[in-house]
Amino acid sequence: MLIKLILLALGVWIVYRLFQSYGRRVKREDAPKNETGEDMVRCAHCGVHLPRSESIVSHGEYFCTNEHRQLHQK
């Protein structure tokens, strides 16, 4: 009787672990990738697109280099 109870508990535990493992695998596959996109802006002088964090802002306009900022203001 005790052996049957132990085997039943072991079987329940194995089934529980299988479902738990499957659930983790499904969540991992469905999880969105860590793609942290950044806004792109266009250089007011040459038209090149670049990330906002790499651009130079002057008078509300974006530039790819300081030289283009100076040329555009002339």
PDB file of N, CA and C in Angstrom:
ATOM      1  N   MET A   1       0.819  -1.195   0.000  1.00  0.00           N
ATOM      2  CA  MET A   1       0.000   0.000   0.000  1.00  0.00           C
ATOM      3  C   MET A   1       0.865   1.262   0.000  1.00  0.00           C
ATOM      4  N   LEU A   2       1.910   1.274   0.814  1.00  0.00           N
ATOM      5  CA  LEU A   2       2.786   2.427   0.912  1.00  0.00           C
ATOM      6  C   LEU A   2       3.554   2.636  -0.397  1.00  0.00           C
ATOM      7  N   ILE A   3       3.952   1.547  -1.050  1.00  0.00           N
ATOM      8  CA  ILE A   3       4.681   1.637  -2.313  1.00  0.00           C
ATOM      9  C   ILE A   3       3.790   2.242  -3.392  1.00  0.00           C
ATOM     10  N   LYS A   4       2.527   1.853  -3.441  1.00  0.00           N
ATOM     11  CA  LYS A   4       1.583   2.413  -4.419  1.00  0.00           C
ATOM     12  C   LYS A   4       1.418   3.920  -4.192  1.00  0.00           C
ATOM     13  N   LEU A   5       1.329   4.347  -2.962  1.00  0.00           N
ATOM     14  CA  LEU A   5       1.180   5.751  -2.639  1.00  0.00           C
ATOM     15  C   LEU A   5       2.430   6.544  -3.051  1.00  0.00           C
ATOM     16  N   ILE A   6       3.595   5.977  -2.812  1.00  0.00           N
ATOM     17  CA  ILE A   6       4.850   6.627  -3.202  1.00  0.00           C
ATOM     18  C   ILE A   6       4.943   6.722  -4.724  1.00  0.00           C
ATOM     19  N   LEU A   7       4.595   5.628  -5.430  1.00  0.00           N
ATOM     20  CA  LEU A   7       4.628   5.648  -6.893  1.00  0.00           C
ATOM     21  C   LEU A   7       3.627   6.653  -7.469  1.00  0.00           C
ATOM     22  N   LEU A   8       2.451   6.747  -6.870  1.00  0.00           N
ATOM     23  CA  LEU A   8       1.453   7.715  -7.315  1.00  0.00           C
ATOM     24  C   LEU A   8       1.962   9.141  -7.106  1.00  0.00           C
ATOM     25  N   ALA A   9       2.546   9.425  -5.957  1.00  0.00           N
ATOM     26  CA  ALA A   9       3.089  10.753  -5.679  1.00  0.00           C
ATOM     27  C   ALA A   9       4.224  11.070  -6.647  1.00  0.00           C
ATOM     28  N   LEU A  10       5.066  10.097  -6.935  1.00  0.00           N
ATOM     29  CA  LEU A  10       6.162  10.291  -7.873  1.00  0.00           C
ATOM     30  C   LEU A  10       5.624  10.574  -9.275  1.00  0.00           C
ATOM     31  N   GLY A  11       4.600   9.856  -9.675  1.00  0.00           N
ATOM     32  CA  GLY A  11       3.987  10.080 -10.986  1.00  0.00           C
ATOM     33  C   GLY A  11       3.384  11.473 -11.090  1.00  0.00           C
ATOM     34  N   VAL A  12       2.692  11.906 -10.055  1.00  0.00           N
ATOM     35  CA  VAL A  12       2.105  13.250 -10.045  1.00  0.00           C
ATOM     36  C   VAL A  12       3.211  14.305 -10.114  1.00  0.00           C
ATOM     37  N   TRP A  13       4.281  14.091  -9.375  1.00  0.00           N
ATOM     38  CA  TRP A  13       5.390  15.044  -9.373  1.00  0.00           C
ATOM     39  C   TRP A  13       6.036  15.135 -10.755  1.00  0.00           C
ATOM     40  N   ILE A  14       6.218  14.001 -11.432  1.00  0.00           N
ATOM     41  CA  ILE A  14       6.818  13.982 -12.776  1.00  0.00           C
ATOM     42  C   ILE A  14       5.921  14.720 -13.769  1.00  0.00           C
ATOM     43  N   VAL A  15       4.632  14.469 -13.719  1.00  0.00           N
ATOM     44  CA  VAL A  15       3.690  15.154 -14.619  1.00  0.00           C
ATOM     45  C   VAL A  15       3.725  16.664 -14.347  1.00  0.00           C
ATOM     46  N   TYR A  16       3.747  17.051 -13.082  1.00  0.00           N
ATOM     47  CA  TYR A  16       3.805  18.466 -12.716  1.00  0.00           C
ATOM     48  C   TYR A  16       5.063  19.120 -13.280  1.00  0.00           C
ATOM     49  N   ARG A  17       6.210  18.464 -13.153  1.00  0.00           N
ATOM     50  CA  ARG A  17       7.471  19.006 -13.656  1.00  0.00           C
ATOM     51  C   ARG A  17       7.468  19.116 -15.188  1.00  0.00           C
ATOM     52  N   LEU A  18       6.848  18.149 -15.870  1.00  0.00           N
ATOM     53  CA  LEU A  18       6.762  18.216 -17.324  1.00  0.00           C
ATOM     54  C   LEU A  18       5.938  19.413 -17.774  1.00  0.00           C
ATOM     55  N   PHE A  19       4.783  19.626 -17.139  1.00  0.00           N
ATOM     56  CA  PHE A  19       3.951  20.775 -17.473  1.00  0.00           C
ATOM     57  C   PHE A  19       4.671  22.090 -17.159  1.00  0.00           C
ATOM     58  N   GLN A  20       5.369  22.134 -16.065  1.00  0.00           N
ATOM     59  CA  GLN A  20       6.109  23.322 -15.674  1.00  0.00           C
ATOM     60  C   GLN A  20       7.207  23.628 -16.701  1.00  0.00           C
ATOM     61  N   SER A  21       7.919  22.629 -17.132  1.00  0.00           N
ATOM     62  CA  SER A  21       8.973  22.797 -18.119  1.00  0.00           C
ATOM     63  C   SER A  21       8.399  23.260 -19.456  1.00  0.00           C
ATOM     64  N   TYR A  22       7.295  22.673 -19.861  1.00  0.00           N
ATOM     65  CA  TYR A  22       6.641  23.052 -21.111  1.00  0.00           C
ATOM     66  C   TYR A  22       6.169  24.502 -21.048  1.00  0.00           C
ATOM     67  N   GLY A  23       5.600  24.896 -19.919  1.00  0.00           N
ATOM     68  CA  GLY A  23       5.119  26.264 -19.753  1.00  0.00           C
ATOM     69  C   GLY A  23       6.244  27.277 -19.862  1.00  0.00           C
ATOM     70  N   ARG A  24       7.394  26.986 -19.274  1.00  0.00           N
ATOM     71  CA  ARG A  24       8.535  27.891 -19.371  1.00  0.00           C
ATOM     72  C   ARG A  24       9.035  28.010 -20.804  1.00  0.00           C
ATOM     73  N   ARG A  25       9.044  26.899 -21.513  1.00  0.00           N
ATOM     74  CA  ARG A  25       9.523  26.903 -22.893  1.00  0.00           C
ATOM     75  C   ARG A  25       8.585  27.718 -23.780  1.00  0.00           C
ATOM     76  N   VAL A  26       7.283  27.592 -23.576  1.00  0.00           N
ATOM     77  CA  VAL A  26       6.314  28.341 -24.379  1.00  0.00           C
ATOM     78  C   VAL A  26       6.432  29.835 -24.087  1.00  0.00           C
ATOM     79  N   LYS A  27       6.593  30.205 -22.826  1.00  0.00           N
ATOM     80  CA  LYS A  27       6.731  31.621 -22.475  1.00  0.00           C
ATOM     81  C   LYS A  27       7.989  32.209 -23.095  1.00  0.00           C
ATOM     82  N   ARG A  28       9.065  31.459 -23.106  1.00  0.00           N
ATOM     83  CA  ARG A  28      10.332  31.933 -23.665  1.00  0.00           C
ATOM     84  C   ARG A  28      10.199  32.153 -25.165  1.00  0.00           C
ATOM     85  N   GLU A  29       9.494  31.279 -25.869  1.00  0.00           N
ATOM     86  CA  GLU A  29       9.333  31.410 -27.313  1.00  0.00           C
ATOM     87  C   GLU A  29       8.413  32.573 -27.653  1.00  0.00           C
ATOM     88  N   ASP A  30       7.393  32.824 -26.819  1.00  0.00           N
ATOM     89  CA  ASP A  30       6.433  33.885 -27.082  1.00  0.00           C
ATOM     90  C   ASP A  30       6.915  35.247 -26.612  1.00  0.00           C
ATOM     91  N   ALA A  31       7.922  35.284 -25.780  1.00  0.00           N
ATOM     92  CA  ALA A  31       8.401  36.555 -25.245  1.00  0.00           C
ATOM     93  C   ALA A  31       8.991  37.403 -26.364  1.00  0.00           C
ATOM     94  N   PRO A  32       8.669  38.680 -26.361  1.00  0.00           N
ATOM     95  CA  PRO A  32       9.218  39.546 -27.405  1.00  0.00           C
ATOM     96  C   PRO A  32      10.726  39.683 -27.252  1.00  0.00           C
ATOM     97  N   LYS A  33      11.375  39.830 -28.364  1.00  0.00           N
ATOM     98  CA  LYS A  33      12.821  39.997 -28.355  1.00  0.00           C
ATOM     99  C   LYS A  33      13.156  41.349 -27.747  1.00  0.00           C
ATOM    100  N   ASN A  34      14.349  41.477 -27.223  1.00  0.00           N
ATOM    101  CA  ASN A  34      14.775  42.731 -26.607  1.00  0.00           C
ATOM    102  C   ASN A  34      15.278  43.691 -27.671  1.00  0.00           C
ATOM    103  N   GLU A  35      14.387  44.066 -28.561  1.00  0.00           N
ATOM    104  CA  GLU A  35      14.745  45.019 -29.593  1.00  0.00           C
ATOM    105  C   GLU A  35      14.310  46.402 -29.117  1.00  0.00           C
ATOM    106  N   THR A  36      15.248  47.155 -28.688  1.00  0.00           N
ATOM    107  CA  THR A  36      14.930  48.496 -28.245  1.00  0.00           C
ATOM    108  C   THR A  36      15.259  49.438 -29.385  1.00  0.00           C
ATOM    109  N   GLY A  37      14.263  49.740 -30.160  1.00  0.00           N
ATOM    110  CA  GLY A  37      14.459  50.614 -31.302  1.00  0.00           C
ATOM    111  C   GLY A  37      14.631  52.058 -30.862  1.00  0.00           C
ATOM    112  N   GLU A  38      15.210  52.836 -31.734  1.00  0.00           N
ATOM    113  CA  GLU A  38      15.426  54.247 -31.443  1.00  0.00           C
ATOM    114  C   GLU A  38      14.899  55.055 -32.614  1.00  0.00           C
ATOM    115  N   ASP A  39      14.391  56.228 -32.326  1.00  0.00           N
ATOM    116  CA  ASP A  39      13.888  57.095 -33.385  1.00  0.00           C
ATOM    117  C   ASP A  39      15.023  57.508 -34.309  1.00  0.00           C
ATOM    118  N   MET A  40      14.723  57.501 -35.598  1.00  0.00           N
ATOM    119  CA  MET A  40      15.692  57.944 -36.587  1.00  0.00           C
ATOM    120  C   MET A  40      15.307  59.357 -37.022  1.00  0.00           C
ATOM    121  N   VAL A  41      16.324  60.185 -37.259  1.00  0.00           N
ATOM    122  CA  VAL A  41      16.094  61.550 -37.723  1.00  0.00           C
ATOM    123  C   VAL A  41      16.902  61.761 -38.999  1.00  0.00           C
ATOM    124  N   ARG A  42      16.524  62.803 -39.734  1.00  0.00           N
ATOM    125  CA  ARG A  42      17.171  63.077 -41.020  1.00  0.00           C
ATOM    126  C   ARG A  42      18.005  64.344 -40.907  1.00  0.00           C
ATOM    127  N   CYS A  43      19.207  64.288 -41.404  1.00  0.00           N
ATOM    128  CA  CYS A  43      20.082  65.458 -41.414  1.00  0.00           C
ATOM    129  C   CYS A  43      19.458  66.523 -42.322  1.00  0.00           C
ATOM    130  N   ALA A  44      19.327  67.743 -41.803  1.00  0.00           N
ATOM    131  CA  ALA A  44      18.706  68.830 -42.559  1.00  0.00           C
ATOM    132  C   ALA A  44      19.577  69.279 -43.731  1.00  0.00           C
ATOM    133  N   HIS A  45      20.847  68.940 -43.712  1.00  0.00           N
ATOM    134  CA  HIS A  45      21.756  69.370 -44.781  1.00  0.00           C
ATOM    135  C   HIS A  45      21.877  68.324 -45.893  1.00  0.00           C
ATOM    136  N   CYS A  46      22.202  67.091 -45.532  1.00  0.00           N
ATOM    137  CA  CYS A  46      22.473  66.081 -46.570  1.00  0.00           C
ATOM    138  C   CYS A  46      21.385  65.020 -46.704  1.00  0.00           C
ATOM    139  N   GLY A  47      20.476  64.924 -45.729  1.00  0.00           N
ATOM    140  CA  GLY A  47      19.375  63.970 -45.829  1.00  0.00           C
ATOM    141  C   GLY A  47      19.668  62.581 -45.294  1.00  0.00           C
ATOM    142  N   VAL A  48      20.851  62.372 -44.731  1.00  0.00           N
ATOM    143  CA  VAL A  48      21.203  61.060 -44.172  1.00  0.00           C
ATOM    144  C   VAL A  48      20.367  60.801 -42.921  1.00  0.00           C
ATOM    145  N   HIS A  49      19.878  59.585 -42.775  1.00  0.00           N
ATOM    146  CA  HIS A  49      19.133  59.203 -41.576  1.00  0.00           C
ATOM    147  C   HIS A  49      20.095  58.612 -40.548  1.00  0.00           C
ATOM    148  N   LEU A  50      19.919  59.014 -39.280  1.00  0.00           N
ATOM    149  CA  LEU A  50      20.770  58.520 -38.211  1.00  0.00           C
ATOM    150  C   LEU A  50      19.973  58.490 -36.921  1.00  0.00           C
ATOM    151  N   PRO A  51      20.422  57.692 -35.936  1.00  0.00           N
ATOM    152  CA  PRO A  51      19.709  57.636 -34.657  1.00  0.00           C
ATOM    153  C   PRO A  51      19.700  59.013 -33.986  1.00  0.00           C
ATOM    154  N   ARG A  52      18.605  59.307 -33.326  1.00  0.00           N
ATOM    155  CA  ARG A  52      18.459  60.604 -32.669  1.00  0.00           C
ATOM    156  C   ARG A  52      19.588  60.857 -31.667  1.00  0.00           C
ATOM    157  N   SER A  53      20.029  59.809 -30.965  1.00  0.00           N
ATOM    158  CA  SER A  53      21.072  59.976 -29.954  1.00  0.00           C
ATOM    159  C   SER A  53      22.422  60.350 -30.556  1.00  0.00           C
ATOM    160  N   GLU A  54      22.639  60.073 -31.839  1.00  0.00           N
ATOM    161  CA  GLU A  54      23.908  60.389 -32.491  1.00  0.00           C
ATOM    162  C   GLU A  54      23.853  61.704 -33.265  1.00  0.00           C
ATOM    163  N   SER A  55      22.690  62.331 -33.303  1.00  0.00           N
ATOM    164  CA  SER A  55      22.542  63.548 -34.091  1.00  0.00           C
ATOM    165  C   SER A  55      22.906  64.787 -33.283  1.00  0.00           C
ATOM    166  N   ILE A  56      23.121  65.886 -33.997  1.00  0.00           N
ATOM    167  CA  ILE A  56      23.383  67.184 -33.397  1.00  0.00           C
ATOM    168  C   ILE A  56      22.147  68.037 -33.659  1.00  0.00           C
ATOM    169  N   VAL A  57      21.579  68.605 -32.611  1.00  0.00           N
ATOM    170  CA  VAL A  57      20.354  69.388 -32.737  1.00  0.00           C
ATOM    171  C   VAL A  57      20.704  70.865 -32.656  1.00  0.00           C
ATOM    172  N   SER A  58      20.182  71.628 -33.603  1.00  0.00           N
ATOM    173  CA  SER A  58      20.392  73.073 -33.604  1.00  0.00           C
ATOM    174  C   SER A  58      19.144  73.736 -34.168  1.00  0.00           C
ATOM    175  N   HIS A  59      18.538  74.620 -33.389  1.00  0.00           N
ATOM    176  CA  HIS A  59      17.327  75.352 -33.796  1.00  0.00           C
ATOM    177  C   HIS A  59      16.221  74.400 -34.252  1.00  0.00           C
ATOM    178  N   GLY A  60      16.086  73.288 -33.570  1.00  0.00           N
ATOM    179  CA  GLY A  60      15.018  72.331 -33.869  1.00  0.00           C
ATOM    180  C   GLY A  60      15.282  71.443 -35.073  1.00  0.00           C
ATOM    181  N   GLU A  61      16.463  71.528 -35.666  1.00  0.00           N
ATOM    182  CA  GLU A  61      16.815  70.692 -36.812  1.00  0.00           C
ATOM    183  C   GLU A  61      17.930  69.739 -36.408  1.00  0.00           C
ATOM    184  N   TYR A  62      17.986  68.598 -37.094  1.00  0.00           N
ATOM    185  CA  TYR A  62      18.973  67.567 -36.778  1.00  0.00           C
ATOM    186  C   TYR A  62      20.046  67.529 -37.859  1.00  0.00           C
ATOM    187  N   PHE A  63      21.288  67.284 -37.414  1.00  0.00           N
ATOM    188  CA  PHE A  63      22.418  67.217 -38.333  1.00  0.00           C
ATOM    189  C   PHE A  63      23.272  66.006 -37.999  1.00  0.00           C
ATOM    190  N   CYS A  64      23.946  65.466 -39.026  1.00  0.00           N
ATOM    191  CA  CYS A  64      24.779  64.281 -38.808  1.00  0.00           C
ATOM    192  C   CYS A  64      26.167  64.660 -38.308  1.00  0.00           C
ATOM    193  N   THR A  65      26.660  65.839 -38.658  1.00  0.00           N
ATOM    194  CA  THR A  65      27.971  66.296 -38.192  1.00  0.00           C
ATOM    195  C   THR A  65      27.891  67.778 -37.852  1.00  0.00           C
ATOM    196  N   ASN A  66      28.858  68.236 -37.096  1.00  0.00           N
ATOM    197  CA  ASN A  66      28.929  69.650 -36.749  1.00  0.00           C
ATOM    198  C   ASN A  66      29.200  70.491 -37.997  1.00  0.00           C
ATOM    199  N   GLU A  67      29.970  69.943 -38.946  1.00  0.00           N
ATOM    200  CA  GLU A  67      30.254  70.641 -40.197  1.00  0.00           C
ATOM    201  C   GLU A  67      28.967  70.915 -40.976  1.00  0.00           C
ATOM    202  N   HIS A  68      28.077  69.928 -41.045  1.00  0.00           N
ATOM    203  CA  HIS A  68      26.806  70.121 -41.752  1.00  0.00           C
ATOM    204  C   HIS A  68      25.938  71.144 -41.028  1.00  0.00           C
ATOM    205  N   ARG A  69      26.014  71.174 -39.716  1.00  0.00           N
ATOM    206  CA  ARG A  69      25.250  72.181 -38.965  1.00  0.00           C
ATOM    207  C   ARG A  69      25.737  73.575 -39.326  1.00  0.00           C
ATOM    208  N   GLN A  70      27.058  73.730 -39.386  1.00  0.00           N
ATOM    209  CA  GLN A  70      27.627  75.046 -39.725  1.00  0.00           C
ATOM    210  C   GLN A  70      27.327  75.434 -41.175  1.00  0.00           C
ATOM    211  N   LEU A  71      27.419  74.491 -42.111  1.00  0.00           N
ATOM    212  CA  LEU A  71      27.138  74.786 -43.504  1.00  0.00           C
ATOM    213  C   LEU A  71      25.677  75.152 -43.724  1.00  0.00           C
ATOM    214  N   HIS A  72      24.797  74.536 -42.999  1.00  0.00           N
ATOM    215  CA  HIS A  72      23.366  74.784 -43.162  1.00  0.00           C
ATOM    216  C   HIS A  72      22.978  76.162 -42.617  1.00  0.00           C
ATOM    217  N   GLN A  73      23.677  76.637 -41.620  1.00  0.00           N
ATOM    218  CA  GLN A  73      23.335  77.928 -41.021  1.00  0.00           C
ATOM    219  C   GLN A  73      23.859  79.105 -41.835  1.00  0.00           C
ATOM    220  N   LYS A  74      24.783  78.884 -42.763  1.00  0.00           N
ATOM    221  CA  LYS A  74      25.344  79.985 -43.579  1.00  0.00           C
ATOM    222  C   LYS A  74      24.385  80.437 -44.640  1.00  0.00           C
TER     223      LYS A  74
END
